[in-house]
Amino acid sequence: MDKPTPKADLFQANRDRVAPLLKTLRADGIGHMIDGKFVASISGETFETKSPVDGAVLASVARGHAEDIDAAATAAALAFKSWRDIGPAMRRKLLHRVADAIEDNAEDIAVLECIDTGQAYRFMAKAAIRAAENFRFFADKCAEARDGLNTPSEEHWNISTRVPIGPVGVITPWNTPFMLSTWKIAPALAAGCTVVHKPAEWSPVTASILAKLVKEAGLPDGVLNTVHGFGEEAGKALTEHPAIKAIGFVGESATGSAIMMQGAPTLKRVHFELGGKNPVIVFDDADLDRALDAVVFMIYSLNGERCTSSSRLLIQQSIAEQFVEKLTARVKALKVGHPLDPSTEIGPLIHERHLAKVCSYFDVARQDGATIAVGGKAHEGPGGGHYVEPTLVTGAQGKMRVAQEEVFGPFLTVLSFKDEADAIEIANDIRYGLTGYVWTNDMGRALRVADALEAGMIWLNSENVRHLPTPFGGMKASGIGRDGGDYSFDFYMETKHVSLARGTHKIQKLGI
């Protein structure tokens, strides 16, 4: 059996792998892909994307405007009918080729995403593989995409079927951007839609790789188009474009509201996966060791920059002191470091503006009257980038800003509760409703709490473990609609009803 590579050697191997990739990236820059061609912006404008590790410029990126979006939307509209009419077996074959290409390039994608986003290699090494799984899962569902129901009545056979809605816009976030892009794009393509993708301007690097791999896999020109740029320019133009029939968006709740308004004149269908301030509720009868592992993982992994993070710990009063004592030790032991180092657990935050936002909540916590038990300041990490200490805030109350507002960083707020009813009240007293996590060995209580929580997804005695056929999405300010399995097809497709008469029903006669 081969011995595992020592972490120090793997760190060096990652740096050796990323160096030539960055050299090529800086030399070539990042362009849009429109109708199968990599092109500059019509205006010729660009912007720089920088690494959160050390502030180094990674590439010059084409800055898209309305005219670039129009070219991409036109290409998507022209390609739609032929892509829609490709048989499901061929569409499946092509999407599996994309998955193969992603797997073949998984290591390159991982190290570039580390440098582009600051996410730790231990998580990004798996993100590309998950992206390939997204394509494979929806590729295998191509044959089912048009499935409907048979609902016969006395005089008619009534059937339903689904048809692709048309060209769609996909706007994706900067946290784990490659995987989340495939999570939106793969089902759209499997449904028979064409896509215009607007990646986040803070993490554009791997979106251009996806566009390249899709083209190399043999998908027809115009089926996937990628336009880089800023939300108020390229993003707004995409949400307003009349050729785009639907917008799938992952990001902040305020941006979702703006997109809904921008798409209203053209009656666009929207799917939003937005913010969260998710509770993890730990009762005194839980398996506390497993609960502790899950609590730490679900807020401090991925730099805390994840919508499903359990950023509020609700701990029962009877065990609060001992649980928080163990939690404090674990948070103090977290390793902040270079994202390519496989021993790193927390890397630099994505951008200097986001670092400033996260750090601003240290003063908010103090002003609220809470206690910063661990962290509470920026961190001097390798390269001098946007590092922050993992932070634990205790002694919080439910109405405090640190218990209400999404920080989106390695920042955990602890609240205590008396009993089941108190836990539910605290958990629901918030504008968000994406996920909830419940730890208890009383299954009756677990089911009661799961039913009462105002959240789109609940995990009982588990961290977030994604299962692709299940619905993914939130309530309240956390989103509209669901991804996953047939739920994705419900968004990217129209349901059509067809009624077949037996020829025996009575038709009323008029004008006789």
Protein backbone atom coordinates (compact mmCIF):
# COMPACT_ATOMS: atom_id res chain seq x y z
CA MET A 1 0.00 0.00 0.00
CA ASP A 2 1.33 3.46 -0.92
CA LYS A 3 2.14 5.70 2.02
CA PRO A 4 0.23 9.00 2.15
CA THR A 5 2.19 12.04 1.00
CA PRO A 6 3.49 14.05 3.98
CA LYS A 7 1.67 17.34 4.38
CA ALA A 8 4.85 19.38 3.91
CA ASP A 9 5.53 17.61 0.62
CA LEU A 10 1.95 18.09 -0.53
CA PHE A 11 2.15 21.81 0.31
CA GLN A 12 5.21 22.12 -1.93
CA ALA A 13 3.56 20.01 -4.63
CA ASN A 14 0.55 22.33 -4.59
CA ARG A 15 2.79 25.38 -4.96
CA ASP A 16 4.68 23.71 -7.78
CA ARG A 17 1.41 22.88 -9.52
CA VAL A 18 -0.11 26.33 -9.22
CA ALA A 19 2.96 28.33 -10.34
CA PRO A 20 2.77 27.56 -14.11
CA LEU A 21 -1.01 27.87 -14.03
CA LEU A 22 -0.73 31.38 -12.60
CA LYS A 23 1.94 32.31 -15.14
CA THR A 24 -0.37 31.33 -17.99
CA LEU A 25 -3.32 33.06 -16.35
CA ARG A 26 -1.44 36.33 -15.98
CA ALA A 27 -0.17 36.16 -19.55
CA ASP A 28 -3.47 35.30 -21.20
CA GLY A 29 -5.96 37.08 -18.98
CA ILE A 30 -9.61 36.03 -18.65
CA GLY A 31 -12.10 36.71 -21.41
CA HIS A 32 -15.78 36.06 -21.89
CA MET A 33 -16.93 32.98 -23.75
CA ILE A 34 -19.71 33.95 -26.14
CA ASP A 35 -21.02 31.62 -28.84
CA GLY A 36 -18.08 29.28 -28.37
CA LYS A 37 -15.37 31.95 -28.67
CA PHE A 38 -13.21 33.52 -25.99
CA VAL A 39 -13.47 37.26 -26.53
CA ALA A 40 -12.65 40.58 -24.93
CA SER A 41 -15.35 43.00 -23.88
CA ILE A 42 -16.79 45.08 -26.70
CA SER A 43 -15.74 48.17 -24.74
CA GLY A 44 -12.23 46.80 -24.28
CA GLU A 45 -12.52 47.41 -20.52
CA THR A 46 -10.96 45.07 -17.99
CA PHE A 47 -10.58 44.75 -14.24
CA GLU A 48 -7.96 43.04 -12.10
CA THR A 49 -8.62 40.04 -9.89
CA LYS A 50 -6.28 39.68 -6.92
CA SER A 51 -5.42 36.81 -4.62
CA PRO A 52 -6.61 37.13 -1.02
CA VAL A 53 -3.40 35.36 0.04
CA ASP A 54 -1.03 38.21 -0.74
CA GLY A 55 -2.88 40.75 -2.89
CA ALA A 56 -1.01 39.71 -6.02
CA VAL A 57 -2.77 40.32 -9.32
CA LEU A 58 -3.90 36.99 -10.75
CA ALA A 59 -5.24 38.15 -14.08
CA SER A 60 -6.78 40.93 -16.12
CA VAL A 61 -10.46 40.09 -16.60
CA ALA A 62 -12.82 41.26 -19.33
CA ARG A 63 -15.34 43.69 -17.86
CA GLY A 64 -18.73 42.94 -19.35
CA HIS A 65 -21.48 45.46 -19.98
CA ALA A 66 -24.97 45.36 -21.47
CA GLU A 67 -23.66 44.88 -25.02
CA ASP A 68 -21.66 41.80 -24.00
CA ILE A 69 -24.66 40.36 -22.20
CA ASP A 70 -26.78 41.05 -25.27
CA ALA A 71 -24.33 39.15 -27.47
CA ALA A 72 -24.31 36.22 -25.03
CA ALA A 73 -28.11 36.17 -24.64
CA THR A 74 -28.52 36.30 -28.42
CA ALA A 75 -26.13 33.37 -28.81
CA ALA A 76 -28.02 31.43 -26.15
CA ALA A 77 -31.35 32.16 -27.84
CA LEU A 78 -30.07 31.05 -31.25
CA ALA A 79 -28.62 27.83 -29.79
CA PHE A 80 -31.69 27.00 -27.71
CA LYS A 81 -33.88 25.18 -30.24
CA SER A 82 -31.14 22.87 -31.46
CA TRP A 83 -29.97 22.10 -27.90
CA ARG A 84 -33.57 21.54 -26.75
CA ASP A 85 -34.13 19.09 -29.61
CA ILE A 86 -30.98 17.03 -29.03
CA GLY A 87 -32.06 13.63 -27.77
CA PRO A 88 -31.61 12.94 -24.07
CA ALA A 89 -29.12 10.15 -24.76
CA MET A 90 -26.80 12.52 -26.62
CA ARG A 91 -27.25 15.26 -24.02
CA ARG A 92 -26.38 12.73 -21.33
CA LYS A 93 -23.26 11.68 -23.23
CA LEU A 94 -22.06 15.27 -23.62
CA LEU A 95 -22.63 16.14 -19.96
CA HIS A 96 -20.72 13.03 -18.89
CA ARG A 97 -17.84 14.26 -21.05
CA VAL A 98 -17.90 17.52 -19.08
CA ALA A 99 -17.78 15.53 -15.83
CA ASP A 100 -14.83 13.52 -17.16
CA ALA A 101 -13.01 16.72 -18.09
CA ILE A 102 -13.62 18.20 -14.63
CA GLU A 103 -12.20 15.09 -12.97
CA ASP A 104 -9.17 15.13 -15.28
CA ASN A 105 -8.48 18.75 -14.25
CA ALA A 106 -9.59 18.50 -10.62
CA GLU A 107 -6.19 19.24 -9.09
CA ASP A 108 -5.63 22.32 -11.26
CA ILE A 109 -9.11 23.58 -10.40
CA ALA A 110 -8.50 22.98 -6.69
CA VAL A 111 -5.21 24.87 -6.41
CA LEU A 112 -6.42 27.77 -8.55
CA GLU A 113 -9.57 28.06 -6.46
CA CYS A 114 -7.44 28.15 -3.30
CA ILE A 115 -5.40 31.04 -4.65
CA ASP A 116 -8.43 32.84 -6.09
CA THR A 117 -10.73 32.53 -3.04
CA GLY A 118 -8.50 31.81 -0.04
CA GLN A 119 -10.34 28.57 0.71
CA ALA A 120 -8.25 25.82 2.30
CA TYR A 121 -6.99 23.03 0.06
CA ARG A 122 -8.50 20.34 2.32
CA PHE A 123 -11.94 21.54 1.17
CA MET A 124 -11.19 22.65 -2.39
CA ALA A 125 -9.57 19.30 -3.22
CA LYS A 126 -13.04 17.78 -2.94
CA ALA A 127 -15.02 20.66 -4.47
CA ALA A 128 -14.03 19.86 -8.06
CA ILE A 129 -14.99 16.21 -7.56
CA ARG A 130 -18.37 17.34 -6.24
CA ALA A 131 -18.72 19.50 -9.33
CA ALA A 132 -18.17 16.46 -11.53
CA GLU A 133 -20.77 14.60 -9.46
CA ASN A 134 -23.24 17.41 -10.13
CA PHE A 135 -22.78 16.97 -13.88
CA ARG A 136 -23.01 13.17 -13.69
CA PHE A 137 -26.13 13.22 -11.54
CA PHE A 138 -28.04 15.55 -13.85
CA ALA A 139 -26.63 13.91 -16.98
CA ASP A 140 -28.22 10.66 -15.85
CA LYS A 141 -31.53 12.47 -15.30
CA CYS A 142 -31.70 13.81 -18.88
CA ALA A 143 -34.05 11.01 -19.90
CA GLU A 144 -36.38 11.89 -17.00
CA ALA A 145 -36.44 15.62 -17.57
CA ARG A 146 -39.69 15.61 -19.54
CA ASP A 147 -41.46 13.11 -17.28
CA GLY A 148 -44.91 14.07 -16.08
CA LEU A 149 -48.07 12.53 -14.65
CA ASN A 150 -51.01 10.56 -15.97
CA THR A 151 -54.20 11.80 -14.28
CA PRO A 152 -57.17 10.27 -16.13
CA SER A 153 -60.70 11.55 -15.66
CA GLU A 154 -63.98 9.92 -16.71
CA GLU A 155 -63.93 11.13 -20.32
CA HIS A 156 -60.30 12.13 -20.88
CA TRP A 157 -56.77 10.92 -20.51
CA ASN A 158 -54.86 13.81 -18.90
CA ILE A 159 -51.08 13.82 -19.06
CA SER A 160 -48.44 16.34 -18.19
CA THR A 161 -44.98 16.81 -19.56
CA ARG A 162 -42.17 19.30 -19.10
CA VAL A 163 -40.40 21.39 -21.71
CA PRO A 164 -37.29 23.57 -21.20
CA ILE A 165 -38.14 27.17 -20.45
CA GLY A 166 -35.52 28.68 -22.79
CA PRO A 167 -32.28 30.60 -22.33
CA VAL A 168 -31.60 31.19 -18.62
CA GLY A 169 -29.25 33.39 -16.63
CA VAL A 170 -27.12 31.95 -13.84
CA ILE A 171 -25.42 34.31 -11.37
CA THR A 172 -23.08 32.55 -8.96
CA PRO A 173 -21.24 33.56 -5.77
CA TRP A 174 -17.59 33.80 -4.83
CA ASN A 175 -17.57 31.08 -2.14
CA THR A 176 -16.68 27.67 -3.64
CA PRO A 177 -17.49 29.19 -7.03
CA PHE A 178 -16.66 26.24 -9.28
CA MET A 179 -18.83 23.72 -7.45
CA LEU A 180 -21.73 26.13 -6.99
CA SER A 181 -21.61 27.10 -10.67
CA THR A 182 -22.01 23.48 -11.71
CA TRP A 183 -24.83 23.07 -9.19
CA LYS A 184 -26.82 25.61 -11.22
CA ILE A 185 -25.52 25.07 -14.75
CA ALA A 186 -25.64 21.25 -14.91
CA PRO A 187 -29.42 20.91 -14.32
CA ALA A 188 -30.14 23.79 -16.69
CA LEU A 189 -28.21 22.06 -19.48
CA ALA A 190 -29.74 18.68 -18.64
CA ALA A 191 -33.22 20.22 -18.88
CA GLY A 192 -32.45 21.45 -22.41
CA CYS A 193 -31.90 25.12 -21.55
CA THR A 194 -29.04 27.25 -22.78
CA VAL A 195 -27.18 29.38 -20.25
CA VAL A 196 -25.60 32.78 -19.80
CA HIS A 197 -23.38 32.60 -16.72
CA LYS A 198 -22.26 35.70 -14.82
CA PRO A 199 -19.65 34.61 -12.23
CA ALA A 200 -18.81 36.65 -9.14
CA GLU A 201 -16.25 39.34 -9.92
CA TRP A 202 -14.24 38.44 -6.80
CA SER A 203 -13.58 34.87 -8.01
CA PRO A 204 -13.62 34.69 -11.83
CA VAL A 205 -10.75 32.27 -12.43
CA THR A 206 -12.38 28.85 -12.38
CA ALA A 207 -15.48 30.00 -14.27
CA SER A 208 -13.27 30.45 -17.32
CA ILE A 209 -11.95 26.90 -16.80
CA LEU A 210 -15.50 25.53 -16.75
CA ALA A 211 -16.31 27.37 -19.98
CA LYS A 212 -13.19 25.92 -21.59
CA LEU A 213 -13.95 22.37 -20.43
CA VAL A 214 -17.56 22.58 -21.66
CA LYS A 215 -16.37 23.66 -25.08
CA GLU A 216 -13.71 20.95 -25.23
CA ALA A 217 -16.30 18.34 -24.23
CA GLY A 218 -18.16 19.10 -27.46
CA LEU A 219 -21.20 21.05 -26.34
CA PRO A 220 -22.47 23.18 -29.25
CA ASP A 221 -21.48 26.83 -29.43
CA GLY A 222 -23.86 29.14 -27.60
CA VAL A 223 -25.13 26.49 -25.17
CA LEU A 224 -23.00 27.87 -22.32
CA ASN A 225 -21.89 31.49 -22.47
CA THR A 226 -19.86 33.18 -19.73
CA VAL A 227 -19.72 36.95 -19.24
CA HIS A 228 -17.54 38.42 -16.50
CA GLY A 229 -18.14 41.73 -14.84
CA PHE A 230 -19.78 43.58 -11.99
CA GLY A 231 -23.26 43.03 -10.67
CA GLU A 232 -24.50 46.55 -11.32
CA GLU A 233 -23.31 46.33 -14.95
CA ALA A 234 -23.25 42.80 -16.41
CA GLY A 235 -25.46 41.28 -13.72
CA LYS A 236 -28.18 43.91 -14.04
CA ALA A 237 -28.15 43.66 -17.83
CA LEU A 238 -28.60 39.89 -17.58
CA THR A 239 -31.55 40.10 -15.19
CA GLU A 240 -33.24 42.66 -17.44
CA HIS A 241 -32.58 41.03 -20.83
CA PRO A 242 -35.84 40.02 -22.58
CA ALA A 243 -34.34 36.86 -24.15
CA ILE A 244 -33.53 35.42 -20.72
CA LYS A 245 -36.51 33.54 -19.33
CA ALA A 246 -35.32 32.78 -15.81
CA ILE A 247 -32.60 33.76 -13.36
CA GLY A 248 -30.95 31.38 -10.93
CA PHE A 249 -29.01 33.34 -8.31
CA VAL A 250 -26.92 32.44 -5.28
CA GLY A 251 -25.84 35.32 -3.05
CA GLU A 252 -26.98 37.96 -0.61
CA SER A 253 -30.63 38.53 0.25
CA ALA A 254 -30.48 42.24 -0.67
CA THR A 255 -29.15 41.37 -4.12
CA GLY A 256 -31.96 38.85 -4.55
CA SER A 257 -34.49 41.60 -3.89
CA ALA A 258 -32.84 43.81 -6.50
CA ILE A 259 -32.83 41.00 -9.08
CA MET A 260 -36.54 40.38 -8.48
CA MET A 261 -37.27 44.03 -9.22
CA GLN A 262 -35.02 44.07 -12.29
CA GLY A 263 -36.66 40.97 -13.73
CA ALA A 264 -40.24 42.06 -13.02
CA PRO A 265 -40.86 44.00 -16.29
CA THR A 266 -40.06 40.87 -18.32
CA LEU A 267 -41.86 38.55 -15.86
CA LYS A 268 -38.77 36.47 -15.26
CA ARG A 269 -38.96 33.34 -13.20
CA VAL A 270 -36.48 33.56 -10.33
CA HIS A 271 -34.77 31.07 -8.09
CA PHE A 272 -32.88 32.50 -5.13
CA GLU A 273 -30.55 30.76 -2.71
CA LEU A 274 -29.73 33.57 -0.32
CA GLY A 275 -28.29 34.22 3.11
CA GLY A 276 -28.68 32.44 6.40
CA LYS A 277 -28.11 32.80 10.13
CA ASN A 278 -28.64 29.16 10.83
CA PRO A 279 -29.17 27.66 14.30
CA VAL A 280 -27.56 24.50 15.59
CA ILE A 281 -29.57 23.42 18.62
CA VAL A 282 -27.85 21.13 21.13
CA PHE A 283 -30.03 19.55 23.82
CA ASP A 284 -28.61 18.09 27.01
CA ASP A 285 -29.32 14.49 25.98
CA ALA A 286 -27.36 14.72 22.72
CA ASP A 287 -24.19 12.84 21.84
CA LEU A 288 -22.11 15.85 22.86
CA ASP A 289 -18.85 14.70 21.29
CA ARG A 290 -20.44 14.30 17.86
CA ALA A 291 -22.39 17.53 18.31
CA LEU A 292 -19.18 19.39 19.15
CA ASP A 293 -17.47 18.08 16.02
CA ALA A 294 -20.43 19.19 13.90
CA VAL A 295 -20.68 22.62 15.53
CA VAL A 296 -17.01 23.37 14.86
CA PHE A 297 -17.08 22.00 11.32
CA MET A 298 -20.23 23.80 10.20
CA ILE A 299 -19.00 27.29 11.07
CA TYR A 300 -15.22 27.19 10.75
CA SER A 301 -14.87 25.08 7.59
CA LEU A 302 -14.76 26.98 4.28
CA ASN A 303 -13.68 30.06 6.28
CA GLY A 304 -17.26 30.37 7.52
CA GLU A 305 -18.09 31.74 4.07
CA ARG A 306 -21.05 29.45 3.41
CA CYS A 307 -24.77 30.08 3.43
CA THR A 308 -25.52 26.87 5.34
CA SER A 309 -23.05 27.50 8.17
CA SER A 310 -24.43 27.00 11.67
CA SER A 311 -23.48 30.48 12.84
CA ARG A 312 -25.75 30.46 15.93
CA LEU A 313 -25.17 27.82 18.58
CA LEU A 314 -28.22 27.34 20.80
CA ILE A 315 -27.05 25.29 23.78
CA GLN A 316 -29.28 24.06 26.63
CA GLN A 317 -28.49 25.85 29.88
CA SER A 318 -27.84 22.66 31.85
CA ILE A 319 -24.82 21.77 29.69
CA ALA A 320 -23.83 25.21 28.39
CA GLU A 321 -20.79 25.77 30.61
CA GLN A 322 -19.09 22.42 29.96
CA PHE A 323 -19.91 22.45 26.22
CA VAL A 324 -18.64 25.98 25.68
CA GLU A 325 -15.45 25.16 27.61
CA LYS A 326 -14.68 22.33 25.17
CA LEU A 327 -15.76 24.45 22.22
CA THR A 328 -13.42 27.26 23.28
CA ALA A 329 -10.46 24.89 23.33
CA ARG A 330 -11.28 23.61 19.87
CA VAL A 331 -11.60 27.08 18.38
CA LYS A 332 -8.29 28.16 19.90
CA ALA A 333 -6.64 25.13 18.27
CA LEU A 334 -7.85 25.86 14.72
CA LYS A 335 -4.99 26.35 12.27
CA VAL A 336 -5.06 29.54 10.20
CA GLY A 337 -2.63 29.47 7.31
CA HIS A 338 -1.82 29.43 3.61
CA PRO A 339 -4.70 27.88 1.65
CA LEU A 340 -2.41 25.52 -0.30
CA ASP A 341 -1.10 24.02 2.93
CA PRO A 342 -3.09 20.80 3.51
CA SER A 343 -2.84 21.31 7.29
CA THR A 344 -4.61 24.69 7.05
CA GLU A 345 -8.16 24.75 8.36
CA ILE A 346 -8.92 28.45 7.82
CA GLY A 347 -7.43 30.51 4.99
CA PRO A 348 -7.69 34.21 4.15
CA LEU A 349 -11.09 35.74 3.51
CA ILE A 350 -12.05 36.43 -0.09
CA HIS A 351 -11.54 40.22 -0.29
CA GLU A 352 -10.36 43.19 1.73
CA ARG A 353 -13.91 44.59 1.84
CA HIS A 354 -15.22 41.33 3.22
CA LEU A 355 -12.42 41.21 5.79
CA ALA A 356 -13.43 44.69 6.93
CA LYS A 357 -17.06 43.58 7.21
CA VAL A 358 -16.24 40.52 9.31
CA CYS A 359 -13.88 42.52 11.55
CA SER A 360 -16.56 45.18 12.09
CA TYR A 361 -18.62 42.63 14.01
CA PHE A 362 -15.96 42.42 16.71
CA ASP A 363 -16.92 45.92 17.83
CA VAL A 364 -20.61 45.10 17.31
CA ALA A 365 -20.29 42.15 19.70
CA ARG A 366 -18.67 44.32 22.36
CA GLN A 367 -21.24 47.08 21.89
CA ASP A 368 -24.04 44.51 22.19
CA GLY A 369 -22.61 43.42 25.54
CA ALA A 370 -21.51 39.97 24.42
CA THR A 371 -18.12 38.43 25.22
CA ILE A 372 -15.45 37.59 22.64
CA ALA A 373 -14.16 34.36 24.13
CA VAL A 374 -11.76 33.56 21.27
CA GLY A 375 -10.38 35.64 18.40
CA GLY A 376 -11.84 39.02 17.70
CA LYS A 377 -9.09 40.46 15.54
CA ALA A 378 -7.30 40.16 12.21
CA HIS A 379 -4.54 37.58 11.88
CA GLU A 380 -1.02 38.00 10.52
CA GLY A 381 -1.01 35.12 8.05
CA PRO A 382 1.53 34.06 5.42
CA GLY A 383 1.63 36.49 2.53
CA GLY A 384 0.01 39.24 4.58
CA GLY A 385 -3.45 38.63 3.07
CA HIS A 386 -6.99 38.90 4.40
CA TYR A 387 -6.64 36.63 7.42
CA VAL A 388 -8.83 36.75 10.51
CA GLU A 389 -8.77 34.81 13.75
CA PRO A 390 -11.58 32.28 14.18
CA THR A 391 -13.93 33.98 16.59
CA LEU A 392 -16.26 32.70 19.30
CA VAL A 393 -18.80 35.05 20.90
CA THR A 394 -20.50 33.99 24.12
CA GLY A 395 -23.09 35.51 26.43
CA ALA A 396 -25.24 36.66 23.53
CA GLN A 397 -28.97 37.39 23.54
CA GLY A 398 -31.34 36.68 20.67
CA LYS A 399 -31.97 40.31 19.69
CA MET A 400 -28.28 41.26 19.49
CA ARG A 401 -26.96 42.06 16.02
CA VAL A 402 -24.39 39.27 16.31
CA ALA A 403 -27.33 36.87 16.76
CA GLN A 404 -29.42 38.38 13.95
CA GLU A 405 -27.11 39.42 11.13
CA GLU A 406 -25.16 37.21 8.73
CA VAL A 407 -21.43 37.76 9.30
CA PHE A 408 -20.35 35.17 6.69
CA GLY A 409 -17.02 34.41 8.27
CA PRO A 410 -15.46 32.15 10.93
CA PHE A 411 -17.62 33.76 13.61
CA LEU A 412 -19.86 31.76 15.97
CA THR A 413 -22.40 33.29 18.35
CA VAL A 414 -23.50 31.26 21.38
CA LEU A 415 -26.94 31.59 22.99
CA SER A 416 -28.45 29.45 25.74
CA PHE A 417 -32.02 28.19 26.08
CA LYS A 418 -34.12 26.65 28.84
CA ASP A 419 -36.26 24.05 27.10
CA GLU A 420 -37.66 22.90 23.77
CA ALA A 421 -40.16 25.75 23.41
CA ASP A 422 -37.50 28.33 24.26
CA ALA A 423 -35.10 26.86 21.70
CA ILE A 424 -37.70 27.00 18.93
CA GLU A 425 -38.64 30.58 19.78
CA ILE A 426 -35.01 31.76 19.68
CA ALA A 427 -34.25 29.81 16.50
CA ASN A 428 -37.22 31.24 14.59
CA ASP A 429 -36.93 34.83 15.81
CA ILE A 430 -34.91 35.91 12.79
CA ARG A 431 -35.49 37.04 9.20
CA TYR A 432 -33.63 34.08 7.69
CA GLY A 433 -34.74 30.49 7.26
CA LEU A 434 -32.25 28.40 5.29
CA THR A 435 -31.11 25.51 7.49
CA GLY A 436 -31.39 24.20 11.01
CA TYR A 437 -29.42 21.53 12.87
CA VAL A 438 -30.79 19.66 15.89
CA TRP A 439 -28.86 17.41 18.27
CA THR A 440 -30.84 15.20 20.64
CA ASN A 441 -31.29 11.50 21.31
CA ASP A 442 -35.03 11.99 21.87
CA MET A 443 -36.43 11.29 18.39
CA GLY A 444 -39.87 12.55 19.31
CA ARG A 445 -38.38 15.90 20.27
CA ALA A 446 -36.16 15.91 17.19
CA LEU A 447 -39.19 15.53 14.93
CA ARG A 448 -41.23 18.12 16.84
CA VAL A 449 -38.42 20.68 16.58
CA ALA A 450 -37.79 19.88 12.91
CA ASP A 451 -41.46 20.48 12.19
CA ALA A 452 -41.50 23.75 14.13
CA LEU A 453 -38.31 25.30 12.74
CA GLU A 454 -38.85 27.91 10.03
CA ALA A 455 -36.16 26.66 7.67
CA GLY A 456 -36.09 24.93 4.32
CA MET A 457 -33.64 22.22 5.36
CA ILE A 458 -33.18 20.44 8.69
CA TRP A 459 -30.50 17.97 9.71
CA LEU A 460 -31.10 15.85 12.82
CA ASN A 461 -27.96 14.62 14.59
CA SER A 462 -25.86 15.55 11.57
CA GLU A 463 -23.94 18.34 9.96
CA ASN A 464 -24.92 19.39 6.41
CA VAL A 465 -24.53 16.26 4.28
CA ARG A 466 -25.80 16.98 0.78
CA HIS A 467 -27.84 14.36 -1.10
CA LEU A 468 -28.38 15.46 -4.70
CA PRO A 469 -31.99 14.24 -5.20
CA THR A 470 -33.28 16.15 -2.15
CA PRO A 471 -34.64 19.71 -2.22
CA PHE A 472 -32.16 22.48 -1.37
CA GLY A 473 -33.45 25.95 -0.51
CA GLY A 474 -34.77 28.24 2.18
CA MET A 475 -37.71 30.16 3.60
CA LYS A 476 -38.21 33.82 4.47
CA ALA A 477 -35.21 35.99 3.47
CA SER A 478 -33.15 32.89 2.67
CA GLY A 479 -34.62 32.28 -0.75
CA ILE A 480 -37.30 31.24 -3.20
CA GLY A 481 -37.51 27.82 -4.82
CA ARG A 482 -35.60 24.57 -4.51
CA ASP A 483 -32.61 22.95 -6.23
CA GLY A 484 -31.88 19.25 -6.46
CA GLY A 485 -33.26 16.33 -8.45
CA ASP A 486 -36.62 17.02 -10.08
CA TYR A 487 -36.91 20.24 -8.08
CA SER A 488 -34.28 21.76 -10.38
CA PHE A 489 -36.26 20.68 -13.45
CA ASP A 490 -39.37 22.31 -12.01
CA PHE A 491 -37.50 25.59 -12.22
CA TYR A 492 -35.74 25.22 -15.56
CA MET A 493 -38.76 23.71 -17.32
CA GLU A 494 -42.40 24.56 -17.98
CA THR A 495 -45.05 21.99 -17.13
CA LYS A 496 -47.50 21.41 -19.99
CA HIS A 497 -50.87 19.70 -19.66
CA VAL A 498 -52.27 17.69 -22.57
CA SER A 499 -55.83 16.31 -22.47
CA LEU A 500 -56.84 13.49 -24.83
CA ALA A 501 -60.58 13.05 -25.29
CA ARG A 502 -62.07 9.56 -25.55
CA GLY A 503 -64.64 10.99 -27.97
CA THR A 504 -67.54 10.09 -25.72
CA HIS A 505 -68.14 13.21 -23.68
CA LYS A 506 -71.05 15.50 -24.44
CA ILE A 507 -70.22 18.84 -26.08
CA GLN A 508 -72.77 21.61 -25.60
CA LYS A 509 -74.33 22.85 -28.81
CA LEU A 510 -74.83 26.58 -29.34
CA GLY A 511 -76.30 28.52 -32.25
CA ILE A 512 -78.64 25.79 -33.38
